[in-house]
Amino acid sequence: MAQATAFYLTGLIMNASRFSGLLLVAPAVLFIAGLFVYPLSYSFIDAFTVAGDAADAGTRFSLANFVLAFELYGDDIVFTVLIVSLSAVLIASGAILIGGYITLGTNRFLVNAVRILYRWPLFIPFIVAAQCMRTFLAKNGLMNGVLIEMGMLTPLETTGFLDWRGIVITFVWKQLPFVALLVTGAMASLDRAGIEAARDLGAGRLRILWQIVVPQVMPTLIVALVLSIVTMMSVLSVPVMISGHSPTMMTVQMAFRVNAYHDYGTANALGVISYLITGLVAWIYLRRGVAGKGGEK
């Protein structure tokens, strides 16, 4: 009888623990479901449906929104992919150089200066970064003003960068500190024995960086780039404020489609296309991670 009672009480305690655990995670689950899962599901449904005709007042499955999106904004989709890809390449290169100099640099003053300065844009919102770059990169902006004062340009030779170049510069300037912070941390945690051995054998800093350090921090670099690509794909303020030219980023066309035409179907179709692009990037990363683990085994 005593053993049965103890077994019953143990079961009650375990069930209570499980219920308490569910209560602890319930707010987070409800938050994600309400602010992410539901809007995402609604966007997918709305992208693949159109309103019925007079005989059918409901909605029906259709790919018309995607056809219209590619017809009107095909160039913008390609433009978005190219801008984000170019920005990601420049961000990766800059992060490797910053992290490599901090890890392998010998001048302590310059190393500390780079360590302090490169982080500043990390705390600036995208809308503030876009406004700063708008005044800095304009034809009569700060950059050209400094070049004129230095005698490197005349007022007639100045040119503005408020186009695709300005978008790339803003993305790189804003996301580089985030990627560099992760890459620098990964480099700092490496075993210095291999680096010192390469130095003793006469290898230069660039060779050590690209052949020894970078391969070891590549997983961290790829994770940071995936997060940066997702962020750049979703930013609206930078292309709106920096460039008024066409083609432009997909986020601008989504906002225009909603505000000008109240066409949520086409806007959601563009959103699904952006989901697929970022999902492809994430899939490539996951596939590489699984292949790497398989090779280690």
Foldseek 3Di string as FASTA:
>chain_A
DVVVVVVVVVVVVVVVVVVVVCVVCVVVVVVCCVPPVVVLVVLVVLQQWDADDPVGRHIDGHNVLVVVLCVVCVVQVVLQVVLLVVLLVLLLVLLLVLLLCLLPPDPPVVSVVSVPPLQVLQPPDLLRLLVVLQQQQQQPHDVVVVCVVVVNDPSVPGHGDLASNSLSVSLSSNLSNVLSVQLNVQLVPDDCPVVVVCVVVPDDSVCCSPPPRCVSCVLSNLVSSLVSSLVSLQDDNNQVRRYPDPPTHLNVVLVCCCVPPVSSNNSSSSVVVSVVVSVVSVVVSVVVVVVVVVVVD
